[in-house]
């Protein structure tokens, strides 16, 4: 593989992996995850979720599929994004990427634990103004562990030197990873449903605040 081809694939991966612009504003992703959501991101049923899903696309002579999951706060902030990227064709590569908010300590990286097992350190590959992304090659053992597991926890260290663990359910991971990619129309429908749910929750929160303010004035 030439440097030119490798550089092109890296650019493709960077462009495709974990970019969910329709699901959450990029600017809000820079917020500290410790303030955006509870440590157990999967434990709060009120949090908007898409679950595990796979998308595929063609880039030159390569087929690129991403099996991913997003954890978002109730206000729409993207807290953690996980993507397993498979590239097949002239280039064959499998990568796991975890994106977290900025203001992270770089040296500790992100720790990955399946069902509370032994943690695996994943080093950051790049930090941009809106997110930091850790990256590691995917192994068969890693996939097998995630298929058998109940949940996976990704822990980053924020600028306050406090651990920020985010737990993601592995329910549906195997089906998404081995199954057919979601269609563009189905993904758009799911994202619209997610956005409608978020908007409804925002309206409910606004009404509660207004009611509290009215009650305070009457007193």
Protein backbone atom coordinates (compact mmCIF):
# COMPACT_ATOMS: atom_id res chain seq x y z
CA UNK A 1 0.00 0.00 0.00
CA UNK A 2 1.44 3.35 -1.00
CA UNK A 3 1.60 6.40 1.20
CA UNK A 4 -0.80 8.12 -1.17
CA UNK A 5 -3.42 5.39 -0.83
CA UNK A 6 -2.96 5.22 2.94
CA UNK A 7 -3.40 8.98 3.21
CA UNK A 8 -6.56 8.78 1.10
CA UNK A 9 -8.06 6.02 3.25
CA UNK A 10 -7.21 7.94 6.42
CA UNK A 11 -9.06 10.91 4.98
CA UNK A 12 -12.05 8.73 4.11
CA UNK A 13 -12.15 7.26 7.60
CA UNK A 14 -11.88 10.69 9.20
CA UNK A 15 -14.69 11.99 7.01
CA UNK A 16 -17.04 9.07 7.59
CA UNK A 17 -16.39 7.86 11.11
CA UNK A 18 -18.75 9.12 13.77
CA UNK A 19 -19.98 12.15 11.85
CA UNK A 20 -23.64 12.48 12.84
CA UNK A 21 -24.26 16.09 11.97
CA UNK A 22 -27.99 15.53 11.61
CA UNK A 23 -28.22 14.06 15.10
CA UNK A 24 -26.37 16.68 17.16
CA UNK A 25 -24.82 20.11 16.68
CA UNK A 26 -21.05 19.88 16.31
CA UNK A 27 -20.48 22.86 18.58
CA UNK A 28 -22.28 21.24 21.48
CA UNK A 29 -19.99 18.21 21.24
CA UNK A 30 -17.18 20.31 22.73
CA UNK A 31 -18.96 20.48 26.08
CA UNK A 32 -17.65 18.45 29.03
CA UNK A 33 -19.38 15.07 29.04
CA UNK A 34 -19.29 14.94 32.83
CA UNK A 35 -21.76 17.83 32.89
CA UNK A 36 -23.79 16.64 29.91
CA UNK A 37 -24.87 13.20 31.10
CA UNK A 38 -24.67 10.76 33.99
CA UNK A 39 -21.71 8.37 34.08
CA UNK A 40 -23.85 5.46 32.97
CA UNK A 41 -25.00 6.75 29.62
CA UNK A 42 -27.16 3.71 29.00
CA UNK A 43 -28.84 3.74 32.41
CA UNK A 44 -31.00 6.79 31.78
CA UNK A 45 -34.03 5.75 29.69
CA UNK A 46 -34.82 9.41 29.04
CA UNK A 47 -31.65 9.89 27.02
CA UNK A 48 -32.22 9.92 23.24
CA UNK A 49 -30.75 6.78 21.65
CA UNK A 50 -30.36 5.31 18.20
CA UNK A 51 -28.74 2.07 19.37
CA UNK A 52 -26.26 0.12 17.26
CA UNK A 53 -26.59 0.50 13.50
CA UNK A 54 -24.40 0.02 10.43
CA UNK A 55 -23.96 2.24 7.41
CA UNK A 56 -21.97 1.36 4.29
CA UNK A 57 -20.60 3.37 1.39
CA UNK A 58 -18.29 3.01 -1.60
CA UNK A 59 -15.08 5.03 -1.85
CA UNK A 60 -13.02 4.46 -4.98
CA UNK A 61 -12.29 0.70 -4.97
CA UNK A 62 -13.03 0.23 -1.29
CA UNK A 63 -16.20 -0.71 0.59
CA UNK A 64 -16.43 1.08 3.94
CA UNK A 65 -18.88 0.03 6.65
CA UNK A 66 -19.25 1.63 10.07
CA UNK A 67 -21.07 -0.05 12.95
CA UNK A 68 -21.70 2.71 15.43
CA UNK A 69 -23.52 3.87 18.53
CA UNK A 70 -24.08 7.32 19.99
CA UNK A 71 -24.70 8.50 23.52
CA UNK A 72 -26.46 11.85 23.64
CA UNK A 73 -27.58 14.00 26.54
CA UNK A 74 -31.21 15.02 26.89
CA UNK A 75 -30.34 18.47 25.53
CA UNK A 76 -28.95 16.99 22.32
CA UNK A 77 -25.27 17.10 23.20
CA UNK A 78 -23.28 14.21 21.82
CA UNK A 79 -21.47 12.64 24.77
CA UNK A 80 -19.69 9.62 23.28
CA UNK A 81 -19.57 8.18 19.77
CA UNK A 82 -18.25 4.68 19.01
CA UNK A 83 -17.56 3.36 15.54
CA UNK A 84 -16.11 0.08 14.25
CA UNK A 85 -14.88 0.83 10.75
CA UNK A 86 -14.33 -1.97 8.22
CA UNK A 87 -12.54 -1.16 4.96
CA UNK A 88 -12.47 -3.85 2.27
CA UNK A 89 -11.03 -3.66 -1.23
CA UNK A 90 -7.64 -2.40 -2.29
CA UNK A 91 -7.14 -1.55 1.36
CA UNK A 92 -8.22 -3.94 4.11
CA UNK A 93 -8.40 -2.51 7.60
CA UNK A 94 -10.58 -2.61 10.69
CA UNK A 95 -10.47 0.24 13.19
CA UNK A 96 -12.28 1.05 16.41
CA UNK A 97 -12.76 4.78 17.04
CA UNK A 98 -14.12 6.44 20.16
CA UNK A 99 -14.89 10.16 20.08
CA UNK A 100 -15.34 12.11 23.30
CA UNK A 101 -15.63 15.83 24.10
CA UNK A 102 -12.54 17.99 24.21
CA UNK A 103 -10.80 19.09 27.42
CA UNK A 104 -9.48 15.56 27.97
CA UNK A 105 -6.12 14.55 29.47
CA UNK A 106 -4.25 13.06 26.52
CA UNK A 107 -1.83 10.66 28.24
CA UNK A 108 -4.44 8.36 29.87
CA UNK A 109 -6.28 7.89 26.58
CA UNK A 110 -9.65 6.12 26.69
CA UNK A 111 -10.07 2.88 28.64
CA UNK A 112 -12.38 0.23 27.19
CA UNK A 113 -13.98 -2.42 29.43
CA UNK A 114 -16.49 -5.09 28.46
CA UNK A 115 -18.67 -6.19 31.38
CA UNK A 116 -16.22 -4.74 33.89
CA UNK A 117 -13.37 -6.95 32.66
CA UNK A 118 -9.75 -5.93 32.25
CA UNK A 119 -9.47 -2.43 30.85
CA UNK A 120 -7.77 -1.82 27.51
CA UNK A 121 -6.11 1.54 26.93
CA UNK A 122 -6.83 3.21 23.59
CA UNK A 123 -4.59 6.15 22.70
CA UNK A 124 -5.92 9.32 21.16
CA UNK A 125 -5.22 9.63 17.45
CA UNK A 126 -6.29 13.26 17.07
CA UNK A 127 -7.91 16.09 19.01
CA UNK A 128 -9.90 18.68 17.07
CA UNK A 129 -11.72 21.78 18.34
CA UNK A 130 -14.96 19.81 18.65
CA UNK A 131 -13.80 16.36 19.80
CA UNK A 132 -10.95 14.01 20.67
CA UNK A 133 -10.82 10.64 18.91
CA UNK A 134 -9.05 7.54 20.19
CA UNK A 135 -8.27 4.74 17.76
CA UNK A 136 -7.13 1.12 17.84
CA UNK A 137 -7.05 -1.76 15.34
CA UNK A 138 -10.01 -4.13 15.66
CA UNK A 139 -9.24 -7.77 16.46
CA UNK A 140 -11.41 -10.87 16.20
CA UNK A 141 -11.14 -11.28 19.98
CA UNK A 142 -12.47 -7.76 20.50
CA UNK A 143 -15.48 -8.39 18.26
CA UNK A 144 -16.19 -11.74 19.92
CA UNK A 145 -16.03 -10.14 23.36
CA UNK A 146 -18.43 -7.38 22.38
CA UNK A 147 -20.87 -9.89 20.85
CA UNK A 148 -20.91 -11.93 24.05
CA UNK A 149 -20.90 -8.95 26.40
CA UNK A 150 -23.73 -7.11 28.08
CA UNK A 151 -22.24 -3.63 28.01
CA UNK A 152 -19.04 -1.78 27.23
CA UNK A 153 -17.69 1.16 29.22
CA UNK A 154 -15.43 3.84 27.78
CA UNK A 155 -13.65 6.00 30.34
CA UNK A 156 -11.83 9.23 29.52
CA UNK A 157 -10.21 11.64 31.99
CA UNK A 158 -11.43 15.22 31.84
CA UNK A 159 -9.39 18.35 32.45
CA UNK A 160 -10.35 18.24 36.14
CA UNK A 161 -8.54 14.87 36.28
CA UNK A 162 -11.84 13.15 37.00
CA UNK A 163 -12.75 9.86 35.26
CA UNK A 164 -15.76 10.11 32.97
CA UNK A 165 -17.09 6.57 32.37
CA UNK A 166 -19.80 6.14 29.75
CA UNK A 167 -21.53 2.75 29.64
CA UNK A 168 -23.11 1.58 26.39
CA UNK A 169 -25.37 -1.45 26.11
CA UNK A 170 -24.12 -4.11 23.70
CA UNK A 171 -27.66 -5.26 23.02
CA UNK A 172 -28.06 -5.34 19.26
CA UNK A 173 -24.34 -4.97 18.51
CA UNK A 174 -23.88 -8.42 16.97
CA UNK A 175 -26.98 -8.10 14.81
CA UNK A 176 -25.87 -4.70 13.54
CA UNK A 177 -22.26 -5.78 12.93
CA UNK A 178 -23.16 -8.98 11.06
CA UNK A 179 -26.39 -7.75 9.49
CA UNK A 180 -27.24 -5.59 6.52
CA UNK A 181 -26.55 -1.84 6.66
CA UNK A 182 -29.42 0.46 7.46
CA UNK A 183 -30.90 2.22 4.45
CA UNK A 184 -30.57 5.98 4.07
CA UNK A 185 -34.34 6.37 4.36
CA UNK A 186 -34.53 4.26 7.54
CA UNK A 187 -31.62 6.15 9.10
CA UNK A 188 -33.25 9.47 8.23
CA UNK A 189 -36.51 8.25 9.76
CA UNK A 190 -34.73 7.16 12.96
CA UNK A 191 -32.86 10.45 13.22
CA UNK A 192 -36.07 12.41 12.70
CA UNK A 193 -37.76 10.39 15.44
CA UNK A 194 -34.79 11.10 17.71
CA UNK A 195 -34.90 14.82 16.96
CA UNK A 196 -38.67 14.93 17.54
CA UNK A 197 -38.19 13.20 20.90
CA UNK A 198 -35.43 15.64 21.86
CA UNK A 199 -37.57 18.61 20.83
CA UNK A 200 -40.50 17.30 22.86
CA UNK A 201 -38.32 16.90 25.95
CA UNK A 202 -36.91 20.40 25.45
CA UNK A 203 -40.43 21.82 25.25
CA UNK A 204 -41.44 19.95 28.40
CA UNK A 205 -38.38 21.28 30.24
CA UNK A 206 -39.12 24.83 29.04
CA UNK A 207 -42.74 24.60 30.22
CA UNK A 208 -41.68 23.31 33.64
CA UNK A 209 -39.27 26.22 33.97
CA UNK A 210 -41.93 28.74 32.96
CA UNK A 211 -44.42 27.21 35.42
CA UNK A 212 -41.82 27.37 38.20
CA UNK A 213 -41.07 31.00 37.40
CA UNK A 214 -44.79 31.87 37.44
CA UNK A 215 -45.24 30.09 40.77
CA UNK A 216 -42.26 31.98 42.21
CA UNK A 217 -43.72 35.33 41.13
CA UNK A 218 -47.11 34.53 42.67
CA UNK A 219 -45.45 33.75 45.98
